[in-house]
Amino acid sequence: MVSPDARGDAALRFETAAESDIVIVLPMTALAELEAMLARASLEQAKTQPKQ
């Protein structure tokens, strides 16, 4: 679950099987950088996958 607040930080919550949730709080700028990095990684991975 990702809950961004345009006025401040973004909280990312990961629910685990052991019911020990992990919460990461990032400034919005860091979240934007993370999204860009994931998009670039996805594009690179797509280059190595066979077309279906």
N, C-alpha and C. Protein backbone atom coordinates (compact mmCIF):
# COMPACT_ATOMS: atom_id res chain seq x y z
N MET A 1 0.85 -1.17 0.00
CA MET A 1 0.00 0.00 0.00
C MET A 1 0.89 1.23 0.00
N VAL A 2 0.60 2.18 -0.87
CA VAL A 2 1.34 3.45 -0.92
C VAL A 2 0.34 4.56 -0.70
N SER A 3 0.61 5.42 0.28
CA SER A 3 -0.27 6.55 0.50
C SER A 3 0.50 7.85 0.47
N PRO A 4 0.55 8.48 -0.70
CA PRO A 4 1.25 9.75 -0.79
C PRO A 4 0.37 10.89 -0.28
N ASP A 5 0.99 11.85 0.33
CA ASP A 5 0.31 13.07 0.76
C ASP A 5 1.03 14.21 0.07
N ALA A 6 0.38 14.84 -0.87
CA ALA A 6 1.02 15.89 -1.67
C ALA A 6 1.57 17.03 -0.81
N ARG A 7 1.10 17.14 0.41
CA ARG A 7 1.58 18.20 1.29
C ARG A 7 2.81 17.80 2.08
N GLY A 8 3.21 16.56 2.01
CA GLY A 8 4.32 16.15 2.86
C GLY A 8 4.97 14.87 2.40
N ASP A 9 5.12 13.95 3.31
CA ASP A 9 5.82 12.71 3.04
C ASP A 9 4.89 11.65 2.46
N ALA A 10 5.50 10.56 1.99
CA ALA A 10 4.74 9.41 1.50
C ALA A 10 5.05 8.23 2.41
N ALA A 11 4.02 7.50 2.77
CA ALA A 11 4.21 6.32 3.62
C ALA A 11 3.96 5.08 2.78
N LEU A 12 4.91 4.17 2.80
CA LEU A 12 4.78 2.88 2.13
C LEU A 12 4.64 1.83 3.22
N ARG A 13 3.58 1.05 3.15
CA ARG A 13 3.34 0.03 4.17
C ARG A 13 3.33 -1.33 3.51
N PHE A 14 4.16 -2.21 4.03
CA PHE A 14 4.25 -3.58 3.52
C PHE A 14 3.67 -4.50 4.58
N GLU A 15 2.67 -5.27 4.19
CA GLU A 15 2.06 -6.23 5.11
C GLU A 15 2.78 -7.56 4.95
N THR A 16 3.23 -8.13 6.05
CA THR A 16 3.96 -9.39 6.00
C THR A 16 3.09 -10.54 6.49
N ALA A 17 3.48 -11.74 6.14
CA ALA A 17 2.73 -12.92 6.58
C ALA A 17 2.78 -13.07 8.09
N ALA A 18 3.85 -12.57 8.70
CA ALA A 18 4.01 -12.69 10.15
C ALA A 18 3.30 -11.57 10.90
N GLU A 19 2.52 -10.80 10.19
CA GLU A 19 1.79 -9.67 10.78
C GLU A 19 2.71 -8.66 11.44
N SER A 20 3.91 -8.54 10.90
CA SER A 20 4.87 -7.52 11.37
C SER A 20 5.02 -6.51 10.24
N ASP A 21 4.06 -5.61 10.13
CA ASP A 21 4.08 -4.65 9.04
C ASP A 21 5.33 -3.79 9.07
N ILE A 22 5.78 -3.42 7.87
CA ILE A 22 6.94 -2.55 7.72
C ILE A 22 6.43 -1.24 7.13
N VAL A 23 6.75 -0.13 7.75
CA VAL A 23 6.34 1.18 7.25
C VAL A 23 7.58 1.99 6.95
N ILE A 24 7.65 2.50 5.71
CA ILE A 24 8.76 3.35 5.30
C ILE A 24 8.18 4.71 4.95
N VAL A 25 8.73 5.76 5.52
CA VAL A 25 8.27 7.12 5.24
C VAL A 25 9.34 7.83 4.43
N LEU A 26 8.95 8.34 3.26
CA LEU A 26 9.88 9.01 2.36
C LEU A 26 9.39 10.42 2.04
N PRO A 27 10.31 11.36 1.86
CA PRO A 27 9.90 12.67 1.34
C PRO A 27 9.38 12.47 -0.09
N MET A 28 8.50 13.33 -0.54
CA MET A 28 7.93 13.18 -1.87
C MET A 28 9.00 13.17 -2.96
N THR A 29 10.08 13.92 -2.78
CA THR A 29 11.15 13.93 -3.79
C THR A 29 11.80 12.55 -3.88
N ALA A 30 11.99 11.89 -2.76
CA ALA A 30 12.58 10.54 -2.78
C ALA A 30 11.63 9.55 -3.43
N LEU A 31 10.33 9.70 -3.20
CA LEU A 31 9.35 8.81 -3.82
C LEU A 31 9.37 9.00 -5.33
N ALA A 32 9.47 10.23 -5.79
CA ALA A 32 9.53 10.50 -7.23
C ALA A 32 10.79 9.87 -7.84
N GLU A 33 11.92 9.97 -7.14
CA GLU A 33 13.15 9.35 -7.63
C GLU A 33 13.02 7.83 -7.66
N LEU A 34 12.39 7.25 -6.66
CA LEU A 34 12.17 5.81 -6.61
C LEU A 34 11.30 5.36 -7.78
N GLU A 35 10.23 6.10 -8.05
CA GLU A 35 9.35 5.76 -9.17
C GLU A 35 10.10 5.81 -10.49
N ALA A 36 10.94 6.84 -10.67
CA ALA A 36 11.71 6.96 -11.91
C ALA A 36 12.70 5.81 -12.04
N MET A 37 13.35 5.44 -10.94
CA MET A 37 14.31 4.34 -10.97
C MET A 37 13.60 3.02 -11.33
N LEU A 38 12.43 2.79 -10.75
CA LEU A 38 11.68 1.57 -11.05
C LEU A 38 11.22 1.54 -12.51
N ALA A 39 10.85 2.69 -13.04
CA ALA A 39 10.44 2.76 -14.44
C ALA A 39 11.61 2.43 -15.36
N ARG A 40 12.80 2.98 -15.06
CA ARG A 40 13.99 2.69 -15.87
C ARG A 40 14.34 1.20 -15.78
N ALA A 41 14.26 0.64 -14.59
CA ALA A 41 14.57 -0.78 -14.42
C ALA A 41 13.58 -1.65 -15.19
N SER A 42 12.33 -1.25 -15.20
CA SER A 42 11.31 -2.00 -15.93
C SER A 42 11.59 -1.98 -17.42
N LEU A 43 11.99 -0.82 -17.94
CA LEU A 43 12.33 -0.72 -19.36
C LEU A 43 13.53 -1.60 -19.71
N GLU A 44 14.54 -1.60 -18.86
CA GLU A 44 15.72 -2.43 -19.10
C GLU A 44 15.36 -3.91 -19.06
N GLN A 45 14.53 -4.29 -18.12
CA GLN A 45 14.12 -5.69 -18.02
C GLN A 45 13.31 -6.10 -19.23
N ALA A 46 12.47 -5.20 -19.73
CA ALA A 46 11.65 -5.51 -20.90
C ALA A 46 12.51 -5.81 -22.12
N LYS A 47 13.69 -5.20 -22.19
CA LYS A 47 14.59 -5.43 -23.33
C LYS A 47 15.11 -6.87 -23.35
N THR A 48 15.17 -7.51 -22.19
CA THR A 48 15.73 -8.86 -22.11
C THR A 48 14.67 -9.94 -22.18
N GLN A 49 13.41 -9.56 -22.13
CA GLN A 49 12.32 -10.54 -22.14
C GLN A 49 11.89 -10.82 -23.58
N PRO A 50 11.61 -12.07 -23.90
CA PRO A 50 11.11 -12.37 -25.25
C PRO A 50 9.73 -11.76 -25.45
N LYS A 51 9.49 -11.32 -26.69
CA LYS A 51 8.17 -10.75 -27.00
C LYS A 51 7.15 -11.88 -27.08
N GLN A 52 5.97 -11.60 -26.56
CA GLN A 52 4.92 -12.63 -26.56
C GLN A 52 3.85 -12.28 -27.55
